[in-house]
Amino acid sequence: MTHDCSQTVSTEAIYPFDARGVAKRFRHAAIFGALQALQVGETMRFCNDHDPIPLLMQIGSRFGPRVEISYVQRMPGEIVIDFLIAA
């Protein structure tokens, strides 16, 4: 079953972020800004058309254990990742 990133997530603490609609040159800055805006216990559900391995490494370096990363869906062309603000 594939995840539809255009659907609003029903849980109040999960916020969708569809990177496919953000110009490539602004994506990382927009993602970092969105993560910084989240409070502890909130999640950003990230959707993309490719697996963003370099971005995940940058998030790990920048935020450390404050951001927990878990794949919701990992299929070619359809990547969904939850970024949970832990502490």
PDB file of N, CA and C in Angstrom:
ATOM      1  N   MET A   1       0.841  -1.176   0.000  1.00  0.00           N
ATOM      2  CA  MET A   1       0.000   0.000   0.000  1.00  0.00           C
ATOM      3  C   MET A   1       0.885   1.239   0.000  1.00  0.00           C
ATOM      4  N   THR A   2       0.596   2.191  -0.860  1.00  0.00           N
ATOM      5  CA  THR A   2       1.394   3.401  -0.926  1.00  0.00           C
ATOM      6  C   THR A   2       0.763   4.507  -0.100  1.00  0.00           C
ATOM      7  N   HIS A   3       1.598   5.397   0.356  1.00  0.00           N
ATOM      8  CA  HIS A   3       1.143   6.537   1.150  1.00  0.00           C
ATOM      9  C   HIS A   3       0.822   7.692   0.217  1.00  0.00           C
ATOM     10  N   ASP A   4      -0.281   8.378   0.438  1.00  0.00           N
ATOM     11  CA  ASP A   4      -0.674   9.525  -0.375  1.00  0.00           C
ATOM     12  C   ASP A   4      -0.283  10.796   0.370  1.00  0.00           C
ATOM     13  N   CYS A   5       0.780  11.440  -0.070  1.00  0.00           N
ATOM     14  CA  CYS A   5       1.284  12.624   0.619  1.00  0.00           C
ATOM     15  C   CYS A   5       0.368  13.831   0.482  1.00  0.00           C
ATOM     16  N   SER A   6      -0.591  13.768  -0.416  1.00  0.00           N
ATOM     17  CA  SER A   6      -1.504  14.892  -0.572  1.00  0.00           C
ATOM     18  C   SER A   6      -2.610  14.872   0.473  1.00  0.00           C
ATOM     19  N   GLN A   7      -2.757  13.746   1.167  1.00  0.00           N
ATOM     20  CA  GLN A   7      -3.784  13.635   2.195  1.00  0.00           C
ATOM     21  C   GLN A   7      -3.295  14.244   3.503  1.00  0.00           C
ATOM     22  N   THR A   8      -4.156  14.978   4.167  1.00  0.00           N
ATOM     23  CA  THR A   8      -3.832  15.532   5.468  1.00  0.00           C
ATOM     24  C   THR A   8      -3.775  14.406   6.483  1.00  0.00           C
ATOM     25  N   VAL A   9      -2.743  14.408   7.296  1.00  0.00           N
ATOM     26  CA  VAL A   9      -2.590  13.398   8.334  1.00  0.00           C
ATOM     27  C   VAL A   9      -3.533  13.765   9.470  1.00  0.00           C
ATOM     28  N   SER A  10      -4.289  12.790   9.959  1.00  0.00           N
ATOM     29  CA  SER A  10      -5.327  13.070  10.941  1.00  0.00           C
ATOM     30  C   SER A  10      -4.798  13.367  12.342  1.00  0.00           C
ATOM     31  N   THR A  11      -3.668  12.809  12.705  1.00  0.00           N
ATOM     32  CA  THR A  11      -3.119  13.044  14.033  1.00  0.00           C
ATOM     33  C   THR A  11      -2.597  14.471  14.106  1.00  0.00           C
ATOM     34  N   GLU A  12      -2.968  15.190  15.155  1.00  0.00           N
ATOM     35  CA  GLU A  12      -2.590  16.593  15.265  1.00  0.00           C
ATOM     36  C   GLU A  12      -1.088  16.820  15.323  1.00  0.00           C
ATOM     37  N   ALA A  13      -0.340  15.878  15.828  1.00  0.00           N
ATOM     38  CA  ALA A  13       1.095  16.067  16.009  1.00  0.00           C
ATOM     39  C   ALA A  13       1.913  15.618  14.800  1.00  0.00           C
ATOM     40  N   ILE A  14       1.284  15.298  13.673  1.00  0.00           N
ATOM     41  CA  ILE A  14       2.009  14.912  12.466  1.00  0.00           C
ATOM     42  C   ILE A  14       1.712  15.934  11.374  1.00  0.00           C
ATOM     43  N   TYR A  15       2.779  16.536  10.841  1.00  0.00           N
ATOM     44  CA  TYR A  15       2.642  17.582   9.835  1.00  0.00           C
ATOM     45  C   TYR A  15       3.286  17.136   8.532  1.00  0.00           C
ATOM     46  N   PRO A  16       2.533  17.140   7.422  1.00  0.00           N
ATOM     47  CA  PRO A  16       3.084  16.700   6.138  1.00  0.00           C
ATOM     48  C   PRO A  16       4.044  17.736   5.551  1.00  0.00           C
ATOM     49  N   PHE A  17       5.088  17.237   4.915  1.00  0.00           N
ATOM     50  CA  PHE A  17       6.030  18.077   4.181  1.00  0.00           C
ATOM     51  C   PHE A  17       6.342  17.354   2.889  1.00  0.00           C
ATOM     52  N   ASP A  18       5.794  17.828   1.782  1.00  0.00           N
ATOM     53  CA  ASP A  18       6.009  17.207   0.477  1.00  0.00           C
ATOM     54  C   ASP A  18       7.134  17.953  -0.234  1.00  0.00           C
ATOM     55  N   ALA A  19       8.323  17.376  -0.206  1.00  0.00           N
ATOM     56  CA  ALA A  19       9.502  18.018  -0.782  1.00  0.00           C
ATOM     57  C   ALA A  19       9.422  18.131  -2.296  1.00  0.00           C
ATOM     58  N   ARG A  20       8.573  17.346  -2.920  1.00  0.00           N
ATOM     59  CA  ARG A  20       8.475  17.375  -4.383  1.00  0.00           C
ATOM     60  C   ARG A  20       7.964  18.714  -4.889  1.00  0.00           C
ATOM     61  N   GLY A  21       7.310  19.497  -4.036  1.00  0.00           N
ATOM     62  CA  GLY A  21       6.785  20.794  -4.448  1.00  0.00           C
ATOM     63  C   GLY A  21       7.697  21.960  -4.116  1.00  0.00           C
ATOM     64  N   VAL A  22       8.893  21.669  -3.600  1.00  0.00           N
ATOM     65  CA  VAL A  22       9.839  22.717  -3.219  1.00  0.00           C
ATOM     66  C   VAL A  22      11.000  22.703  -4.212  1.00  0.00           C
ATOM     67  N   ALA A  23      11.370  23.865  -4.711  1.00  0.00           N
ATOM     68  CA  ALA A  23      12.497  23.958  -5.646  1.00  0.00           C
ATOM     69  C   ALA A  23      13.738  23.323  -5.024  1.00  0.00           C
ATOM     70  N   LYS A  24      14.477  22.555  -5.806  1.00  0.00           N
ATOM     71  CA  LYS A  24      15.626  21.808  -5.288  1.00  0.00           C
ATOM     72  C   LYS A  24      16.620  22.684  -4.537  1.00  0.00           C
ATOM     73  N   ARG A  25      16.853  23.888  -5.005  1.00  0.00           N
ATOM     74  CA  ARG A  25      17.858  24.734  -4.362  1.00  0.00           C
ATOM     75  C   ARG A  25      17.426  25.219  -2.982  1.00  0.00           C
ATOM     76  N   PHE A  26      16.120  25.107  -2.667  1.00  0.00           N
ATOM     77  CA  PHE A  26      15.616  25.556  -1.374  1.00  0.00           C
ATOM     78  C   PHE A  26      15.229  24.409  -0.439  1.00  0.00           C
ATOM     79  N   ARG A  27      15.257  23.171  -0.932  1.00  0.00           N
ATOM     80  CA  ARG A  27      14.716  22.042  -0.167  1.00  0.00           C
ATOM     81  C   ARG A  27      15.352  21.859   1.204  1.00  0.00           C
ATOM     82  N   HIS A  28      16.671  21.760   1.260  1.00  0.00           N
ATOM     83  CA  HIS A  28      17.309  21.467   2.544  1.00  0.00           C
ATOM     84  C   HIS A  28      17.046  22.576   3.550  1.00  0.00           C
ATOM     85  N   ALA A  29      17.143  23.820   3.125  1.00  0.00           N
ATOM     86  CA  ALA A  29      16.876  24.940   4.034  1.00  0.00           C
ATOM     87  C   ALA A  29      15.432  24.897   4.527  1.00  0.00           C
ATOM     88  N   ALA A  30      14.495  24.578   3.642  1.00  0.00           N
ATOM     89  CA  ALA A  30      13.084  24.496   4.035  1.00  0.00           C
ATOM     90  C   ALA A  30      12.860  23.351   5.022  1.00  0.00           C
ATOM     91  N   ILE A  31      13.510  22.232   4.789  1.00  0.00           N
ATOM     92  CA  ILE A  31      13.367  21.078   5.682  1.00  0.00           C
ATOM     93  C   ILE A  31      13.960  21.384   7.050  1.00  0.00           C
ATOM     94  N   PHE A  32      15.148  21.979   7.082  1.00  0.00           N
ATOM     95  CA  PHE A  32      15.764  22.330   8.363  1.00  0.00           C
ATOM     96  C   PHE A  32      14.888  23.318   9.121  1.00  0.00           C
ATOM     97  N   GLY A  33      14.335  24.301   8.422  1.00  0.00           N
ATOM     98  CA  GLY A  33      13.454  25.277   9.060  1.00  0.00           C
ATOM     99  C   GLY A  33      12.203  24.629   9.627  1.00  0.00           C
ATOM    100  N   ALA A  34      11.628  23.706   8.863  1.00  0.00           N
ATOM    101  CA  ALA A  34      10.428  23.007   9.334  1.00  0.00           C
ATOM    102  C   ALA A  34      10.737  22.179  10.571  1.00  0.00           C
ATOM    103  N   LEU A  35      11.873  21.492  10.578  1.00  0.00           N
ATOM    104  CA  LEU A  35      12.249  20.689  11.740  1.00  0.00           C
ATOM    105  C   LEU A  35      12.488  21.567  12.967  1.00  0.00           C
ATOM    106  N   GLN A  36      13.094  22.721  12.776  1.00  0.00           N
ATOM    107  CA  GLN A  36      13.347  23.626  13.898  1.00  0.00           C
ATOM    108  C   GLN A  36      12.050  24.184  14.474  1.00  0.00           C
ATOM    109  N   ALA A  37      10.995  24.248  13.669  1.00  0.00           N
ATOM    110  CA  ALA A  37       9.723  24.795  14.128  1.00  0.00           C
ATOM    111  C   ALA A  37       8.904  23.797  14.939  1.00  0.00           C
ATOM    112  N   LEU A  38       9.248  22.510  14.863  1.00  0.00           N
ATOM    113  CA  LEU A  38       8.486  21.494  15.574  1.00  0.00           C
ATOM    114  C   LEU A  38       8.823  21.473  17.061  1.00  0.00           C
ATOM    115  N   GLN A  39       7.834  21.080  17.850  1.00  0.00           N
ATOM    116  CA  GLN A  39       7.992  20.935  19.293  1.00  0.00           C
ATOM    117  C   GLN A  39       8.220  19.455  19.625  1.00  0.00           C
ATOM    118  N   VAL A  40       8.686  19.185  20.818  1.00  0.00           N
ATOM    119  CA  VAL A  40       8.900  17.809  21.270  1.00  0.00           C
ATOM    120  C   VAL A  40       7.587  17.029  21.140  1.00  0.00           C
ATOM    121  N   GLY A  41       7.677  15.834  20.557  1.00  0.00           N
ATOM    122  CA  GLY A  41       6.515  14.980  20.365  1.00  0.00           C
ATOM    123  C   GLY A  41       5.830  15.164  19.028  1.00  0.00           C
ATOM    124  N   GLU A  42       6.198  16.207  18.280  1.00  0.00           N
ATOM    125  CA  GLU A  42       5.604  16.427  16.964  1.00  0.00           C
ATOM    126  C   GLU A  42       6.438  15.734  15.897  1.00  0.00           C
ATOM    127  N   THR A  43       5.769  15.399  14.798  1.00  0.00           N
ATOM    128  CA  THR A  43       6.400  14.672  13.703  1.00  0.00           C
ATOM    129  C   THR A  43       6.184  15.404  12.389  1.00  0.00           C
ATOM    130  N   MET A  44       7.228  15.455  11.575  1.00  0.00           N
ATOM    131  CA  MET A  44       7.091  15.920  10.199  1.00  0.00           C
ATOM    132  C   MET A  44       7.108  14.680   9.309  1.00  0.00           C
ATOM    133  N   ARG A  45       6.036  14.480   8.555  1.00  0.00           N
ATOM    134  CA  ARG A  45       5.979  13.363   7.607  1.00  0.00           C
ATOM    135  C   ARG A  45       6.461  13.870   6.255  1.00  0.00           C
ATOM    136  N   PHE A  46       7.638  13.436   5.875  1.00  0.00           N
ATOM    137  CA  PHE A  46       8.366  13.906   4.698  1.00  0.00           C
ATOM    138  C   PHE A  46       8.096  12.985   3.514  1.00  0.00           C
ATOM    139  N   CYS A  47       7.716  13.560   2.382  1.00  0.00           N
ATOM    140  CA  CYS A  47       7.489  12.792   1.154  1.00  0.00           C
ATOM    141  C   CYS A  47       8.449  13.269   0.079  1.00  0.00           C
ATOM    142  N   ASN A  48       9.003  12.315  -0.668  1.00  0.00           N
ATOM    143  CA  ASN A  48       9.964  12.661  -1.708  1.00  0.00           C
ATOM    144  C   ASN A  48       9.938  11.594  -2.798  1.00  0.00           C
ATOM    145  N   ASP A  49      10.561  11.909  -3.933  1.00  0.00           N
ATOM    146  CA  ASP A  49      10.592  10.955  -5.041  1.00  0.00           C
ATOM    147  C   ASP A  49      11.858  10.105  -5.047  1.00  0.00           C
ATOM    148  N   HIS A  50      12.791  10.385  -4.134  1.00  0.00           N
ATOM    149  CA  HIS A  50      14.016   9.585  -4.016  1.00  0.00           C
ATOM    150  C   HIS A  50      14.419   9.501  -2.553  1.00  0.00           C
ATOM    151  N   ASP A  51      15.254   8.515  -2.246  1.00  0.00           N
ATOM    152  CA  ASP A  51      15.734   8.312  -0.888  1.00  0.00           C
ATOM    153  C   ASP A  51      16.816   9.353  -0.596  1.00  0.00           C
ATOM    154  N   PRO A  52      16.579  10.262   0.345  1.00  0.00           N
ATOM    155  CA  PRO A  52      17.488  11.393   0.561  1.00  0.00           C
ATOM    156  C   PRO A  52      18.621  11.086   1.551  1.00  0.00           C
ATOM    157  N   ILE A  53      19.456  10.136   1.231  1.00  0.00           N
ATOM    158  CA  ILE A  53      20.522   9.699   2.136  1.00  0.00           C
ATOM    159  C   ILE A  53      21.421  10.873   2.581  1.00  0.00           C
ATOM    160  N   PRO A  54      21.907  11.735   1.658  1.00  0.00           N
ATOM    161  CA  PRO A  54      22.743  12.853   2.116  1.00  0.00           C
ATOM    162  C   PRO A  54      21.987  13.781   3.079  1.00  0.00           C
ATOM    163  N   LEU A  55      20.715  14.021   2.824  1.00  0.00           N
ATOM    164  CA  LEU A  55      19.903  14.853   3.718  1.00  0.00           C
ATOM    165  C   LEU A  55      19.798  14.215   5.100  1.00  0.00           C
ATOM    166  N   LEU A  56      19.579  12.915   5.154  1.00  0.00           N
ATOM    167  CA  LEU A  56      19.467  12.223   6.443  1.00  0.00           C
ATOM    168  C   LEU A  56      20.758  12.353   7.243  1.00  0.00           C
ATOM    169  N   MET A  57      21.897  12.281   6.559  1.00  0.00           N
ATOM    170  CA  MET A  57      23.181  12.454   7.251  1.00  0.00           C
ATOM    171  C   MET A  57      23.319  13.884   7.769  1.00  0.00           C
ATOM    172  N   GLN A  58      22.866  14.860   6.976  1.00  0.00           N
ATOM    173  CA  GLN A  58      22.929  16.251   7.419  1.00  0.00           C
ATOM    174  C   GLN A  58      22.018  16.486   8.624  1.00  0.00           C
ATOM    175  N   ILE A  59      20.839  15.898   8.600  1.00  0.00           N
ATOM    176  CA  ILE A  59      19.917  16.031   9.732  1.00  0.00           C
ATOM    177  C   ILE A  59      20.538  15.416  10.985  1.00  0.00           C
ATOM    178  N   GLY A  60      21.140  14.238  10.827  1.00  0.00           N
ATOM    179  CA  GLY A  60      21.807  13.598  11.962  1.00  0.00           C
ATOM    180  C   GLY A  60      22.919  14.460  12.528  1.00  0.00           C
ATOM    181  N   SER A  61      23.707  15.075  11.658  1.00  0.00           N
ATOM    182  CA  SER A  61      24.797  15.937  12.109  1.00  0.00           C
ATOM    183  C   SER A  61      24.283  17.212  12.766  1.00  0.00           C
ATOM    184  N   ARG A  62      23.242  17.768  12.202  1.00  0.00           N
ATOM    185  CA  ARG A  62      22.727  19.059  12.669  1.00  0.00           C
ATOM    186  C   ARG A  62      21.885  18.943  13.942  1.00  0.00           C
ATOM    187  N   PHE A  63      21.036  17.903  14.005  1.00  0.00           N
ATOM    188  CA  PHE A  63      20.087  17.785  15.107  1.00  0.00           C
ATOM    189  C   PHE A  63      20.426  16.678  16.092  1.00  0.00           C
ATOM    190  N   GLY A  64      21.289  15.743  15.708  1.00  0.00           N
ATOM    191  CA  GLY A  64      21.662  14.639  16.587  1.00  0.00           C
ATOM    192  C   GLY A  64      20.452  13.814  17.003  1.00  0.00           C
ATOM    193  N   PRO A  65      20.445  13.339  18.248  1.00  0.00           N
ATOM    194  CA  PRO A  65      19.358  12.467  18.697  1.00  0.00           C
ATOM    195  C   PRO A  65      18.025  13.205  18.914  1.00  0.00           C
ATOM    196  N   ARG A  66      18.022  14.524  18.751  1.00  0.00           N
ATOM    197  CA  ARG A  66      16.779  15.291  18.909  1.00  0.00           C
ATOM    198  C   ARG A  66      15.742  14.878  17.864  1.00  0.00           C
ATOM    199  N   VAL A  67      16.208  14.442  16.681  1.00  0.00           N
ATOM    200  CA  VAL A  67      15.297  14.034  15.611  1.00  0.00           C
ATOM    201  C   VAL A  67      15.443  12.533  15.375  1.00  0.00           C
ATOM    202  N   GLU A  68      14.348  11.805  15.577  1.00  0.00           N
ATOM    203  CA  GLU A  68      14.325  10.369  15.287  1.00  0.00           C
ATOM    204  C   GLU A  68      13.777  10.181  13.874  1.00  0.00           C
ATOM    205  N   ILE A  69      14.451   9.361  13.088  1.00  0.00           N
ATOM    206  CA  ILE A  69      14.109   9.156  11.683  1.00  0.00           C
ATOM    207  C   ILE A  69      13.584   7.743  11.499  1.00  0.00           C
ATOM    208  N   SER A  70      12.393   7.616  10.880  1.00  0.00           N
ATOM    209  CA  SER A  70      11.866   6.277  10.583  1.00  0.00           C
ATOM    210  C   SER A  70      11.124   6.304   9.254  1.00  0.00           C
ATOM    211  N   TYR A  71      11.413   5.301   8.442  1.00  0.00           N
ATOM    212  CA  TYR A  71      10.762   5.189   7.142  1.00  0.00           C
ATOM    213  C   TYR A  71       9.333   4.676   7.325  1.00  0.00           C
ATOM    214  N   VAL A  72       8.393   5.331   6.670  1.00  0.00           N
ATOM    215  CA  VAL A  72       7.005   4.879   6.607  1.00  0.00           C
ATOM    216  C   VAL A  72       6.837   4.059   5.335  1.00  0.00           C
ATOM    217  N   GLN A  73       7.494   4.511   4.278  1.00  0.00           N
ATOM    218  CA  GLN A  73       7.436   3.832   2.977  1.00  0.00           C
ATOM    219  C   GLN A  73       8.763   4.058   2.268  1.00  0.00           C
ATOM    220  N   ARG A  74       9.291   2.991   1.683  1.00  0.00           N
ATOM    221  CA  ARG A  74      10.589   3.081   1.000  1.00  0.00           C
ATOM    222  C   ARG A  74      10.532   2.259  -0.279  1.00  0.00           C
ATOM    223  N   MET A  75       9.904   2.862  -1.291  1.00  0.00           N
ATOM    224  CA  MET A  75       9.781   2.220  -2.594  1.00  0.00           C
ATOM    225  C   MET A  75      10.387   3.159  -3.635  1.00  0.00           C
ATOM    226  N   PRO A  76      10.914   2.628  -4.728  1.00  0.00           N
ATOM    227  CA  PRO A  76      11.460   3.514  -5.758  1.00  0.00           C
ATOM    228  C   PRO A  76      10.425   4.557  -6.195  1.00  0.00           C
ATOM    229  N   GLY A  77      10.819   5.819  -6.116  1.00  0.00           N
ATOM    230  CA  GLY A  77       9.937   6.901  -6.523  1.00  0.00           C
ATOM    231  C   GLY A  77       8.927   7.333  -5.485  1.00  0.00           C
ATOM    232  N   GLU A  78       8.831   6.612  -4.373  1.00  0.00           N
ATOM    233  CA  GLU A  78       7.859   6.937  -3.324  1.00  0.00           C
ATOM    234  C   GLU A  78       8.483   6.712  -1.950  1.00  0.00           C
ATOM    235  N   ILE A  79       9.056   7.781  -1.430  1.00  0.00           N
ATOM    236  CA  ILE A  79       9.724   7.711  -0.130  1.00  0.00           C
ATOM    237  C   ILE A  79       8.915   8.537   0.870  1.00  0.00           C
ATOM    238  N   VAL A  80       8.600   7.949   2.015  1.00  0.00           N
ATOM    239  CA  VAL A  80       7.918   8.665   3.092  1.00  0.00           C
ATOM    240  C   VAL A  80       8.703   8.382   4.374  1.00  0.00           C
ATOM    241  N   ILE A  81       9.107   9.468   5.034  1.00  0.00           N
ATOM    242  CA  ILE A  81       9.901   9.352   6.252  1.00  0.00           C
ATOM    243  C   ILE A  81       9.266  10.216   7.344  1.00  0.00           C
ATOM    244  N   ASP A  82       9.180   9.668   8.547  1.00  0.00           N
ATOM    245  CA  ASP A  82       8.739  10.444   9.695  1.00  0.00           C
ATOM    246  C   ASP A  82       9.959  10.952  10.455  1.00  0.00           C
ATOM    247  N   PHE A  83       9.950  12.253  10.746  1.00  0.00           N
ATOM    248  CA  PHE A  83      10.968  12.872  11.578  1.00  0.00           C
ATOM    249  C   PHE A  83      10.274  13.280  12.878  1.00  0.00           C
ATOM    250  N   LEU A  84      10.551  12.568  13.946  1.00  0.00           N
ATOM    251  CA  LEU A  84       9.942  12.827  15.255  1.00  0.00           C
ATOM    252  C   LEU A  84      10.914  13.636  16.103  1.00  0.00           C
ATOM    253  N   ILE A  85      10.411  14.715  16.688  1.00  0.00           N
ATOM    254  CA  ILE A  85      11.217  15.515  17.601  1.00  0.00           C
ATOM    255  C   ILE A  85      11.158  14.848  18.974  1.00  0.00           C
ATOM    256  N   ALA A  86      12.303  14.299  19.401  1.00  0.00           N
ATOM    257  CA  ALA A  86      12.353  13.486  20.615  1.00  0.00           C
ATOM    258  C   ALA A  86      12.633  14.305  21.873  1.00  0.00           C
ATOM    259  N   ALA A  87      13.575  15.183  21.804  1.00  0.00           N
ATOM    260  CA  ALA A  87      13.926  15.984  22.992  1.00  0.00           C
ATOM    261  C   ALA A  87      14.782  17.152  22.606  1.00  0.00           C
TER     262      ALA A  87
END
